[in-house]
Amino acid sequence: MIFWVNLKNQAVISWMVISNGMSSQCVDDYSDEVSMALQTDGKIVVAGSTVNLGHDNFITVRFLPDGSIDPSFGSNGKVITSLGESFDGNPNSIAVQSDGKILVGGVGVGPMNYTTWADFALVRFMPDGSPDPSFGINGIVLIPL
């Protein structure tokens, strides 16, 4: 079983596995919503948001079955994805496809007028965390709402 830990009212990308002892990894101290999926090989992928250059970005992290961050995924286990200049990205779902590709969905808000411009955002990664070049533009699809 996997549980999320909320410290000081901030969702922290942390987890513990009851059946295999405990593990906690803090890779980011800011995330509005966090979602996770289990791969067939036992690895866990987690999506949340992080602040970079004043804007929220998607962050995707992969953990090994023992609870450690998977260094073979992205850059030292994580991928930070900007949806574009002046966009805030807030993911709220993640899925692992049968071919191992990882799909993260959420909302992109911007640019500059946060009350009227919103997009449904999809990001797809190859199994190693690199953007899927066959999906949208460099792995990103934005659909106006």
C-alpha atoms as a PDB file:
ATOM      1  CA  MET A   1       0.000   0.000   0.000  1.00  0.00           C
ATOM      2  CA  ILE A   2       1.199   3.494  -0.773  1.00  0.00           C
ATOM      3  CA  PHE A   3       0.292   6.557   1.254  1.00  0.00           C
ATOM      4  CA  TRP A   4       1.006  10.230   0.644  1.00  0.00           C
ATOM      5  CA  VAL A   5       2.451  12.347   3.394  1.00  0.00           C
ATOM      6  CA  ASN A   6       1.384  15.979   3.794  1.00  0.00           C
ATOM      7  CA  LEU A   7       3.854  18.107   5.743  1.00  0.00           C
ATOM      8  CA  LYS A   8       3.087  21.723   6.729  1.00  0.00           C
ATOM      9  CA  ASN A   9       0.103  21.795   4.341  1.00  0.00           C
ATOM     10  CA  GLN A  10       2.337  21.186   1.325  1.00  0.00           C
ATOM     11  CA  ALA A  11       2.039  17.973  -0.641  1.00  0.00           C
ATOM     12  CA  VAL A  12       5.505  16.483  -0.668  1.00  0.00           C
ATOM     13  CA  ILE A  13       6.383  13.768  -3.135  1.00  0.00           C
ATOM     14  CA  SER A  14       6.997  11.148  -0.462  1.00  0.00           C
ATOM     15  CA  TRP A  15       5.788   7.634   0.031  1.00  0.00           C
ATOM     16  CA  MET A  16       6.062   4.555   2.153  1.00  0.00           C
ATOM     17  CA  VAL A  17       5.465   0.935   1.327  1.00  0.00           C
ATOM     18  CA  ILE A  18       4.005  -0.945   4.280  1.00  0.00           C
ATOM     19  CA  SER A  19       4.843  -4.443   3.029  1.00  0.00           C
ATOM     20  CA  ASN A  20       8.509  -3.607   2.293  1.00  0.00           C
ATOM     21  CA  GLY A  21       9.310  -1.415   5.266  1.00  0.00           C
ATOM     22  CA  MET A  22       9.439   2.346   4.912  1.00  0.00           C
ATOM     23  CA  SER A  23      10.975   4.761   2.481  1.00  0.00           C
ATOM     24  CA  SER A  24      10.574   8.500   2.161  1.00  0.00           C
ATOM     25  CA  GLN A  25      11.997  10.618  -0.652  1.00  0.00           C
ATOM     26  CA  CYS A  26      11.524  14.374  -0.805  1.00  0.00           C
ATOM     27  CA  VAL A  27      12.307  15.511  -4.335  1.00  0.00           C
ATOM     28  CA  ASP A  28      10.263  18.693  -4.298  1.00  0.00           C
ATOM     29  CA  ASP A  29       8.644  20.811  -1.608  1.00  0.00           C
ATOM     30  CA  TYR A  30       5.745  22.124  -3.679  1.00  0.00           C
ATOM     31  CA  SER A  31       2.960  20.341  -5.462  1.00  0.00           C
ATOM     32  CA  ASP A  32      -0.740  21.164  -5.769  1.00  0.00           C
ATOM     33  CA  GLU A  33      -1.834  17.701  -6.815  1.00  0.00           C
ATOM     34  CA  VAL A  34       0.064  14.467  -6.949  1.00  0.00           C
ATOM     35  CA  SER A  35      -0.792  11.335  -8.925  1.00  0.00           C
ATOM     36  CA  MET A  36       0.972   7.998  -9.242  1.00  0.00           C
ATOM     37  CA  ALA A  37       0.967   4.808 -11.296  1.00  0.00           C
ATOM     38  CA  LEU A  38       2.571   1.410 -10.880  1.00  0.00           C
ATOM     39  CA  GLN A  39       4.559  -0.044 -13.766  1.00  0.00           C
ATOM     40  CA  THR A  40       4.466  -3.781 -14.496  1.00  0.00           C
ATOM     41  CA  ASP A  41       8.098  -4.087 -13.289  1.00  0.00           C
ATOM     42  CA  GLY A  42       7.165  -2.686  -9.860  1.00  0.00           C
ATOM     43  CA  LYS A  43       8.555   0.805 -10.448  1.00  0.00           C
ATOM     44  CA  ILE A  44       6.347   3.696  -9.338  1.00  0.00           C
ATOM     45  CA  VAL A  45       5.940   6.875 -11.397  1.00  0.00           C
ATOM     46  CA  VAL A  46       4.657  10.015  -9.711  1.00  0.00           C
ATOM     47  CA  ALA A  47       3.519  13.304 -11.242  1.00  0.00           C
ATOM     48  CA  GLY A  48       3.164  16.644  -9.485  1.00  0.00           C
ATOM     49  CA  SER A  49       4.064  20.258 -10.052  1.00  0.00           C
ATOM     50  CA  THR A  50       7.130  22.285  -9.205  1.00  0.00           C
ATOM     51  CA  VAL A  51       8.013  25.967  -9.517  1.00  0.00           C
ATOM     52  CA  ASN A  52      10.699  26.888 -12.046  1.00  0.00           C
ATOM     53  CA  LEU A  53      11.453  30.480 -13.100  1.00  0.00           C
ATOM     54  CA  GLY A  54       8.245  31.684 -11.431  1.00  0.00           C
ATOM     55  CA  HIS A  55       5.911  29.223 -13.173  1.00  0.00           C
ATOM     56  CA  ASP A  56       4.458  25.856 -12.237  1.00  0.00           C
ATOM     57  CA  ASN A  57       5.860  22.993 -14.303  1.00  0.00           C
ATOM     58  CA  PHE A  58       5.045  19.299 -14.488  1.00  0.00           C
ATOM     59  CA  ILE A  59       7.451  17.129 -12.514  1.00  0.00           C
ATOM     60  CA  THR A  60       7.548  13.375 -13.080  1.00  0.00           C
ATOM     61  CA  VAL A  61       9.611  11.137 -10.797  1.00  0.00           C
ATOM     62  CA  ARG A  62      10.205   7.390 -10.920  1.00  0.00           C
ATOM     63  CA  PHE A  63      10.987   5.217  -7.914  1.00  0.00           C
ATOM     64  CA  LEU A  64      12.456   1.723  -7.858  1.00  0.00           C
ATOM     65  CA  PRO A  65      10.518  -1.020  -6.045  1.00  0.00           C
ATOM     66  CA  ASP A  66      12.795  -0.572  -2.994  1.00  0.00           C
ATOM     67  CA  GLY A  67      11.746   3.087  -2.631  1.00  0.00           C
ATOM     68  CA  SER A  68      14.871   4.726  -4.003  1.00  0.00           C
ATOM     69  CA  ILE A  69      14.735   7.186  -6.882  1.00  0.00           C
ATOM     70  CA  ASP A  70      15.408   5.522 -10.244  1.00  0.00           C
ATOM     71  CA  PRO A  71      18.579   7.185 -11.623  1.00  0.00           C
ATOM     72  CA  SER A  72      17.924   5.752 -15.111  1.00  0.00           C
ATOM     73  CA  PHE A  73      14.799   7.904 -15.516  1.00  0.00           C
ATOM     74  CA  GLY A  74      15.142  11.448 -16.848  1.00  0.00           C
ATOM     75  CA  SER A  75      17.811  13.410 -15.022  1.00  0.00           C
ATOM     76  CA  ASN A  76      18.653  11.604 -11.782  1.00  0.00           C
ATOM     77  CA  GLY A  77      15.171  10.116 -11.551  1.00  0.00           C
ATOM     78  CA  LYS A  78      13.037  13.120 -12.440  1.00  0.00           C
ATOM     79  CA  VAL A  79      11.832  15.126 -15.418  1.00  0.00           C
ATOM     80  CA  ILE A  80      10.663  18.738 -15.184  1.00  0.00           C
ATOM     81  CA  THR A  81       8.466  19.766 -18.118  1.00  0.00           C
ATOM     82  CA  SER A  82       7.514  23.329 -19.029  1.00  0.00           C
ATOM     83  CA  LEU A  83       4.364  23.647 -21.123  1.00  0.00           C
ATOM     84  CA  GLY A  84       5.680  26.861 -22.667  1.00  0.00           C
ATOM     85  CA  GLU A  85       6.720  30.376 -21.826  1.00  0.00           C
ATOM     86  CA  SER A  86       4.303  32.063 -19.385  1.00  0.00           C
ATOM     87  CA  PHE A  87       2.328  28.835 -18.831  1.00  0.00           C
ATOM     88  CA  ASP A  88       1.656  27.215 -15.478  1.00  0.00           C
ATOM     89  CA  GLY A  89       1.276  23.448 -15.658  1.00  0.00           C
ATOM     90  CA  ASN A  90      -0.557  21.420 -13.045  1.00  0.00           C
ATOM     91  CA  PRO A  91      -0.783  17.673 -13.679  1.00  0.00           C
ATOM     92  CA  ASN A  92      -3.482  15.631 -12.003  1.00  0.00           C
ATOM     93  CA  SER A  93      -3.250  12.199 -13.618  1.00  0.00           C
ATOM     94  CA  ILE A  94      -0.655   9.716 -14.802  1.00  0.00           C
ATOM     95  CA  ALA A  95      -0.808   6.392 -16.631  1.00  0.00           C
ATOM     96  CA  VAL A  96       1.691   3.858 -17.910  1.00  0.00           C
ATOM     97  CA  GLN A  97       0.831   2.479 -21.350  1.00  0.00           C
ATOM     98  CA  SER A  98       1.337  -1.182 -22.259  1.00  0.00           C
ATOM     99  CA  ASP A  99       4.436  -0.198 -24.293  1.00  0.00           C
ATOM    100  CA  GLY A 100       6.011   1.424 -21.210  1.00  0.00           C
ATOM    101  CA  LYS A 101       5.428   5.018 -22.322  1.00  0.00           C
ATOM    102  CA  ILE A 102       4.241   7.334 -19.554  1.00  0.00           C
ATOM    103  CA  LEU A 103       1.327   9.726 -20.101  1.00  0.00           C
ATOM    104  CA  VAL A 104       0.770  12.673 -17.745  1.00  0.00           C
ATOM    105  CA  GLY A 105      -2.373  14.786 -17.997  1.00  0.00           C
ATOM    106  CA  GLY A 106      -3.416  18.040 -16.398  1.00  0.00           C
ATOM    107  CA  VAL A 107      -4.090  21.705 -17.028  1.00  0.00           C
ATOM    108  CA  GLY A 108      -1.953  24.399 -18.594  1.00  0.00           C
ATOM    109  CA  VAL A 109      -2.889  27.962 -17.636  1.00  0.00           C
ATOM    110  CA  GLY A 110      -1.542  31.076 -19.338  1.00  0.00           C
ATOM    111  CA  PRO A 111      -0.069  33.027 -20.854  1.00  0.00           C
ATOM    112  CA  MET A 112      -0.398  35.970 -18.500  1.00  0.00           C
ATOM    113  CA  ASN A 113      -4.204  35.992 -18.265  1.00  0.00           C
ATOM    114  CA  TYR A 114      -4.999  33.280 -15.775  1.00  0.00           C
ATOM    115  CA  THR A 115      -8.762  33.848 -15.841  1.00  0.00           C
ATOM    116  CA  THR A 116      -9.535  33.116 -19.486  1.00  0.00           C
ATOM    117  CA  TRP A 117      -6.810  30.943 -20.999  1.00  0.00           C
ATOM    118  CA  ALA A 118      -6.720  27.302 -20.000  1.00  0.00           C
ATOM    119  CA  ASP A 119      -5.667  24.220 -21.895  1.00  0.00           C
ATOM    120  CA  PHE A 120      -5.959  20.532 -21.265  1.00  0.00           C
ATOM    121  CA  ALA A 121      -2.335  19.379 -21.269  1.00  0.00           C
ATOM    122  CA  LEU A 122      -0.908  15.964 -22.108  1.00  0.00           C
ATOM    123  CA  VAL A 123       2.759  15.034 -21.903  1.00  0.00           C
ATOM    124  CA  ARG A 124       4.098  11.653 -23.013  1.00  0.00           C
ATOM    125  CA  PHE A 125       7.494  10.246 -22.113  1.00  0.00           C
ATOM    126  CA  MET A 126       9.475   7.345 -23.436  1.00  0.00           C
ATOM    127  CA  PRO A 127      10.204   4.669 -20.784  1.00  0.00           C
ATOM    128  CA  ASP A 128      13.536   6.377 -19.980  1.00  0.00           C
ATOM    129  CA  GLY A 129      11.861   9.745 -19.256  1.00  0.00           C
ATOM    130  CA  SER A 130      12.771  11.477 -22.503  1.00  0.00           C
ATOM    131  CA  PRO A 131       9.944  13.283 -24.367  1.00  0.00           C
ATOM    132  CA  ASP A 132       8.145  11.106 -26.916  1.00  0.00           C
ATOM    133  CA  PRO A 133       8.931  12.778 -30.282  1.00  0.00           C
ATOM    134  CA  SER A 134       5.994  11.018 -31.970  1.00  0.00           C
ATOM    135  CA  PHE A 135       3.474  12.676 -29.627  1.00  0.00           C
ATOM    136  CA  GLY A 136       2.403  16.276 -30.264  1.00  0.00           C
ATOM    137  CA  ILE A 137       5.268  18.772 -30.297  1.00  0.00           C
ATOM    138  CA  ASN A 138       8.260  17.312 -28.468  1.00  0.00           C
ATOM    139  CA  GLY A 139       5.940  15.102 -26.403  1.00  0.00           C
ATOM    140  CA  ILE A 140       3.446  17.831 -25.439  1.00  0.00           C
ATOM    141  CA  VAL A 141      -0.160  18.308 -26.579  1.00  0.00           C
ATOM    142  CA  LEU A 142      -2.206  21.337 -25.487  1.00  0.00           C
ATOM    143  CA  ILE A 143      -5.950  21.326 -26.191  1.00  0.00           C
ATOM    144  CA  PRO A 144      -7.786  24.634 -25.603  1.00  0.00           C
ATOM    145  CA  LEU A 145     -10.724  24.387 -23.235  1.00  0.00           C
END
